[in-house]
Amino acid sequence: MHPSSPAPADPTSRIELLDALSGFALFGVYVAILFSGFSYWDAPASANLPPAFTLPTDGVATFLMHALVEGKFYSIFSLLFGVGFALQLERGAADSTDSIPCFGVDCVY
């Protein structure tokens, strides 16, 4: 049993830079999904159809999209996700709370 019940972090103890970077990364993930999922650049393999508009620069645009958008924002978001877990463990250790069980399925308070 944990000595205190779980609660959101106090707004004064939040790290604003991490919140801003998370918002920036989520916006980048949104842009990546928006352009790759809704632009019909890649026709579904089961459709056996060519893309609606084919230009010579499509390969370059797809490469830049993967390299500059998806590769960066997904990585930033994943890194910040891990930082969030590390902060939870650090704050749990400061409160003498064993927060490791909360990362599994058996998190019962």
C-alpha atoms as a PDB file:
ATOM      1  CA  MET A   1       0.000   0.000   0.000  1.00  0.00           C
ATOM      2  CA  HIS A   2       1.312   3.441  -0.876  1.00  0.00           C
ATOM      3  CA  PRO A   3       1.442   6.110   1.824  1.00  0.00           C
ATOM      4  CA  SER A   4      -0.275   8.665  -0.388  1.00  0.00           C
ATOM      5  CA  SER A   5      -2.823   8.398  -3.133  1.00  0.00           C
ATOM      6  CA  PRO A   6      -1.748   9.312  -6.674  1.00  0.00           C
ATOM      7  CA  ALA A   7      -2.355  12.869  -7.749  1.00  0.00           C
ATOM      8  CA  PRO A   8      -1.228  15.169 -10.544  1.00  0.00           C
ATOM      9  CA  ALA A   9       1.991  17.059 -10.062  1.00  0.00           C
ATOM     10  CA  ASP A  10       1.740  20.408  -8.357  1.00  0.00           C
ATOM     11  CA  PRO A  11       1.680  23.122 -11.076  1.00  0.00           C
ATOM     12  CA  THR A  12       4.587  24.908  -9.394  1.00  0.00           C
ATOM     13  CA  SER A  13       6.758  21.757  -9.601  1.00  0.00           C
ATOM     14  CA  ARG A  14       6.205  21.207 -13.336  1.00  0.00           C
ATOM     15  CA  ILE A  15       9.096  21.778 -15.706  1.00  0.00           C
ATOM     16  CA  GLU A  16       7.788  24.230 -18.279  1.00  0.00           C
ATOM     17  CA  LEU A  17      10.520  23.474 -20.808  1.00  0.00           C
ATOM     18  CA  LEU A  18       9.494  19.802 -20.887  1.00  0.00           C
ATOM     19  CA  ASP A  19       5.848  20.794 -21.325  1.00  0.00           C
ATOM     20  CA  ALA A  20       6.764  23.124 -24.201  1.00  0.00           C
ATOM     21  CA  LEU A  21       8.942  20.482 -25.874  1.00  0.00           C
ATOM     22  CA  SER A  22       6.165  17.915 -25.491  1.00  0.00           C
ATOM     23  CA  GLY A  23       3.691  20.249 -27.152  1.00  0.00           C
ATOM     24  CA  PHE A  24       6.154  20.952 -29.960  1.00  0.00           C
ATOM     25  CA  ALA A  25       6.776  17.225 -30.458  1.00  0.00           C
ATOM     26  CA  LEU A  26       3.056  16.433 -30.457  1.00  0.00           C
ATOM     27  CA  PHE A  27       2.493  19.121 -33.070  1.00  0.00           C
ATOM     28  CA  GLY A  28       5.238  17.561 -35.199  1.00  0.00           C
ATOM     29  CA  VAL A  29       3.686  14.105 -34.846  1.00  0.00           C
ATOM     30  CA  TYR A  30       0.350  15.626 -35.864  1.00  0.00           C
ATOM     31  CA  VAL A  31       1.933  17.202 -38.955  1.00  0.00           C
ATOM     32  CA  ALA A  32       3.610  13.901 -39.867  1.00  0.00           C
ATOM     33  CA  ILE A  33       0.335  12.017 -39.576  1.00  0.00           C
ATOM     34  CA  LEU A  34      -1.550  14.723 -41.433  1.00  0.00           C
ATOM     35  CA  PHE A  35       0.776  14.778 -44.417  1.00  0.00           C
ATOM     36  CA  SER A  36       1.557  11.092 -44.684  1.00  0.00           C
ATOM     37  CA  GLY A  37      -1.873   9.746 -43.819  1.00  0.00           C
ATOM     38  CA  PHE A  38      -4.185  12.114 -45.609  1.00  0.00           C
ATOM     39  CA  SER A  39      -2.171  13.264 -48.615  1.00  0.00           C
ATOM     40  CA  TYR A  40      -2.440  10.003 -50.587  1.00  0.00           C
ATOM     41  CA  TRP A  41       1.257  10.122 -51.398  1.00  0.00           C
ATOM     42  CA  ASP A  42       1.433   6.394 -50.857  1.00  0.00           C
ATOM     43  CA  ALA A  43      -1.376   4.385 -52.400  1.00  0.00           C
ATOM     44  CA  PRO A  44      -2.434   1.348 -50.370  1.00  0.00           C
ATOM     45  CA  ALA A  45      -0.729  -1.790 -51.641  1.00  0.00           C
ATOM     46  CA  SER A  46      -4.035  -3.631 -51.835  1.00  0.00           C
ATOM     47  CA  ALA A  47      -5.552  -0.962 -54.119  1.00  0.00           C
ATOM     48  CA  ASN A  48      -3.074  -1.591 -56.973  1.00  0.00           C
ATOM     49  CA  LEU A  49      -3.423   2.064 -57.928  1.00  0.00           C
ATOM     50  CA  PRO A  50      -0.748   4.635 -58.594  1.00  0.00           C
ATOM     51  CA  PRO A  51      -0.749   7.750 -56.398  1.00  0.00           C
ATOM     52  CA  ALA A  52      -3.225  10.398 -57.499  1.00  0.00           C
ATOM     53  CA  PHE A  53      -0.561  12.951 -58.454  1.00  0.00           C
ATOM     54  CA  THR A  54       2.918  11.890 -59.454  1.00  0.00           C
ATOM     55  CA  LEU A  55       5.725  14.414 -59.739  1.00  0.00           C
ATOM     56  CA  PRO A  56       9.465  13.869 -60.113  1.00  0.00           C
ATOM     57  CA  THR A  57      10.021  15.542 -56.753  1.00  0.00           C
ATOM     58  CA  ASP A  58       7.717  13.194 -54.829  1.00  0.00           C
ATOM     59  CA  GLY A  59      10.577  10.897 -53.840  1.00  0.00           C
ATOM     60  CA  VAL A  60      12.583  13.831 -52.494  1.00  0.00           C
ATOM     61  CA  ALA A  61       9.559  15.194 -50.613  1.00  0.00           C
ATOM     62  CA  THR A  62       8.853  11.789 -49.080  1.00  0.00           C
ATOM     63  CA  PHE A  63      12.486  11.393 -48.010  1.00  0.00           C
ATOM     64  CA  LEU A  64      12.536  14.874 -46.451  1.00  0.00           C
ATOM     65  CA  MET A  65       9.258  14.188 -44.689  1.00  0.00           C
ATOM     66  CA  HIS A  66      10.635  10.995 -43.156  1.00  0.00           C
ATOM     67  CA  ALA A  67      14.048  12.428 -42.314  1.00  0.00           C
ATOM     68  CA  LEU A  68      13.103  15.877 -41.039  1.00  0.00           C
ATOM     69  CA  VAL A  69       9.635  15.406 -39.589  1.00  0.00           C
ATOM     70  CA  GLU A  70       8.944  11.817 -38.600  1.00  0.00           C
ATOM     71  CA  GLY A  71      12.489  10.965 -37.595  1.00  0.00           C
ATOM     72  CA  LYS A  72      12.833  14.011 -35.359  1.00  0.00           C
ATOM     73  CA  PHE A  73       9.454  14.499 -33.734  1.00  0.00           C
ATOM     74  CA  TYR A  74       8.826  10.834 -32.942  1.00  0.00           C
ATOM     75  CA  SER A  75      12.277  10.666 -31.359  1.00  0.00           C
ATOM     76  CA  ILE A  76      11.725  13.824 -29.304  1.00  0.00           C
ATOM     77  CA  PHE A  77       8.336  12.579 -28.119  1.00  0.00           C
ATOM     78  CA  SER A  78       9.757   9.158 -27.195  1.00  0.00           C
ATOM     79  CA  LEU A  79      12.615  10.756 -25.286  1.00  0.00           C
ATOM     80  CA  LEU A  80      10.247  13.015 -23.349  1.00  0.00           C
ATOM     81  CA  PHE A  81       8.020  10.033 -22.573  1.00  0.00           C
ATOM     82  CA  GLY A  82      11.012   8.352 -20.934  1.00  0.00           C
ATOM     83  CA  VAL A  83      11.916  11.564 -19.081  1.00  0.00           C
ATOM     84  CA  GLY A  84       8.384  11.623 -17.680  1.00  0.00           C
ATOM     85  CA  PHE A  85       8.815   8.095 -16.326  1.00  0.00           C
ATOM     86  CA  ALA A  86      12.171   9.049 -14.807  1.00  0.00           C
ATOM     87  CA  LEU A  87      10.598  12.079 -13.112  1.00  0.00           C
ATOM     88  CA  GLN A  88       7.849   9.899 -11.661  1.00  0.00           C
ATOM     89  CA  LEU A  89      10.433   7.494 -10.243  1.00  0.00           C
ATOM     90  CA  GLU A  90      12.519  10.367  -8.861  1.00  0.00           C
ATOM     91  CA  ARG A  91       9.546  12.011  -7.180  1.00  0.00           C
ATOM     92  CA  GLY A  92       8.413   8.663  -5.812  1.00  0.00           C
ATOM     93  CA  ALA A  93      11.844   8.103  -4.302  1.00  0.00           C
ATOM     94  CA  ALA A  94      11.782  11.586  -2.756  1.00  0.00           C
ATOM     95  CA  ASP A  95       8.417  10.778  -1.112  1.00  0.00           C
ATOM     96  CA  SER A  96       9.614   7.308  -0.022  1.00  0.00           C
ATOM     97  CA  THR A  97       7.022   5.832  -2.355  1.00  0.00           C
ATOM     98  CA  ASP A  98       7.743   2.710  -4.374  1.00  0.00           C
ATOM     99  CA  SER A  99       6.510   3.861  -7.772  1.00  0.00           C
ATOM    100  CA  ILE A 100       7.975   0.994  -9.779  1.00  0.00           C
ATOM    101  CA  PRO A 101       4.850  -1.212  -9.410  1.00  0.00           C
ATOM    102  CA  CYS A 102       2.852   1.541 -11.120  1.00  0.00           C
ATOM    103  CA  PHE A 103       4.649   0.805 -14.389  1.00  0.00           C
ATOM    104  CA  GLY A 104       3.201  -2.684 -14.493  1.00  0.00           C
ATOM    105  CA  VAL A 105      -0.275  -4.097 -14.493  1.00  0.00           C
ATOM    106  CA  ASP A 106      -0.450  -4.619 -10.725  1.00  0.00           C
ATOM    107  CA  CYS A 107      -0.667  -0.946  -9.766  1.00  0.00           C
ATOM    108  CA  VAL A 108      -3.210  -1.052  -6.952  1.00  0.00           C
ATOM    109  CA  TYR A 109      -3.614   1.654  -4.359  1.00  0.00           C
END
